[in-house]
Structure formats: C-alpha cells, structure tokens
Amino acid sequence: MLVGPLPMLKAVKKLAEEKNIPCQISLEERMACGLGVCLGCAVKKARSTNENPEYFHVCKGGPVFQAKDVDI
C-alpha cells in the first residue's frame, strides 16, 4: 500500500503498471460531508471517458483503492 503526496503516487502507480505489480493507494481528499453528496472527495475512475465521466467518492469507497482503478 502506498501513502504520500500526489506526485509520488502518480510515479509509483506508473512504475507498478509498467512492472505489472499490484498496488493499492490511500488517497487524502477533502471530505466535507462524509456522504458523497458534496463531491469534494470525487476522484475520476481510470476507465471512464470524457464523454461519460465516472467517479469514486473517497469518503464512501475509500480511502484505499487499487491504483489501476483511479485516474490520478
């Protein structure tokens, strides 16, 4: 599992994907409501498109995610 600043998370995620190593990351997002209503903690899903964006809510589904599943 990986915890740290966003630039480091991006770099390690890229390295893990290149080496085909499973990786989990813990995201630190602002969680104003804790219910996913305010969208303050929304993180884009890796497989979503610009035409049909999909998001995880860190307060509800996290804070730990599979690195391959999030677009950071």
Protein backbone atom coordinates (compact mmCIF):
# COMPACT_ATOMS: atom_id res chain seq x y z
CA MET A 1 0.00 0.00 0.00
CA LEU A 2 1.16 3.47 -0.86
CA VAL A 3 0.55 6.72 1.02
CA GLY A 4 2.07 10.09 0.23
CA PRO A 5 1.96 13.21 -1.90
CA LEU A 6 0.14 13.08 -5.25
CA PRO A 7 3.28 13.35 -7.46
CA MET A 8 4.77 10.33 -5.68
CA LEU A 9 1.51 8.37 -6.00
CA LYS A 10 1.47 9.05 -9.75
CA ALA A 11 5.09 7.97 -10.18
CA VAL A 12 4.72 4.75 -8.22
CA LYS A 13 1.40 3.94 -9.92
CA LYS A 14 3.10 4.27 -13.32
CA LEU A 15 6.02 2.08 -12.22
CA ALA A 16 3.68 -0.56 -10.78
CA GLU A 17 1.68 -0.66 -14.02
CA GLU A 18 4.87 -0.97 -16.12
CA LYS A 19 6.15 -3.85 -13.95
CA ASN A 20 2.68 -5.44 -13.59
CA ILE A 21 2.84 -5.19 -9.79
CA PRO A 22 -0.43 -4.94 -7.85
CA CYS A 23 -0.58 -1.67 -5.95
CA GLN A 24 -3.03 -0.04 -3.57
CA ILE A 25 -3.04 3.67 -2.83
CA SER A 26 -4.54 5.64 0.02
CA LEU A 27 -5.97 8.95 -1.16
CA GLU A 28 -6.19 12.02 1.03
CA GLU A 29 -9.02 14.16 -0.29
CA ARG A 30 -11.14 16.77 1.45
CA MET A 31 -14.21 15.12 2.88
CA ALA A 32 -16.65 17.87 3.77
CA CYS A 33 -19.86 15.85 4.16
CA GLY A 34 -18.65 12.25 4.53
CA LEU A 35 -21.63 11.04 2.47
CA GLY A 36 -20.51 11.64 -1.12
CA VAL A 37 -23.09 14.38 -1.62
CA CYS A 38 -20.82 17.43 -1.78
CA LEU A 39 -18.47 15.80 -4.38
CA GLY A 40 -15.46 17.31 -2.60
CA CYS A 41 -13.75 13.93 -2.49
CA ALA A 42 -14.62 12.73 -6.00
CA VAL A 43 -11.76 11.02 -7.87
CA LYS A 44 -12.15 10.04 -11.52
CA LYS A 45 -12.23 6.35 -12.36
CA ALA A 46 -9.40 5.22 -14.63
CA ARG A 47 -11.67 3.63 -17.22
CA SER A 48 -14.16 6.49 -17.51
CA THR A 49 -14.31 8.61 -20.64
CA ASN A 50 -14.56 12.36 -21.08
CA GLU A 51 -17.99 11.87 -22.64
CA ASN A 52 -19.22 9.76 -19.73
CA PRO A 53 -17.09 10.52 -16.65
CA GLU A 54 -17.43 8.27 -13.61
CA TYR A 55 -16.09 8.97 -10.14
CA PHE A 56 -15.27 7.25 -6.87
CA HIS A 57 -16.09 9.04 -3.63
CA VAL A 58 -13.12 8.73 -1.30
CA CYS A 59 -15.35 9.21 1.76
CA LYS A 60 -17.60 6.28 0.82
CA GLY A 61 -15.46 3.90 -1.22
CA GLY A 62 -12.02 4.57 0.19
CA PRO A 63 -9.66 5.94 1.16
CA VAL A 64 -7.79 2.87 -0.17
CA PHE A 65 -8.20 1.98 -3.85
CA GLN A 66 -6.49 -0.28 -6.35
CA ALA A 67 -4.07 2.03 -8.17
CA LYS A 68 -5.19 0.71 -11.56
CA ASP A 69 -8.78 1.80 -10.85
CA VAL A 70 -8.21 5.54 -10.22
CA ASP A 71 -7.09 8.32 -12.55
CA ILE A 72 -4.64 10.37 -10.54
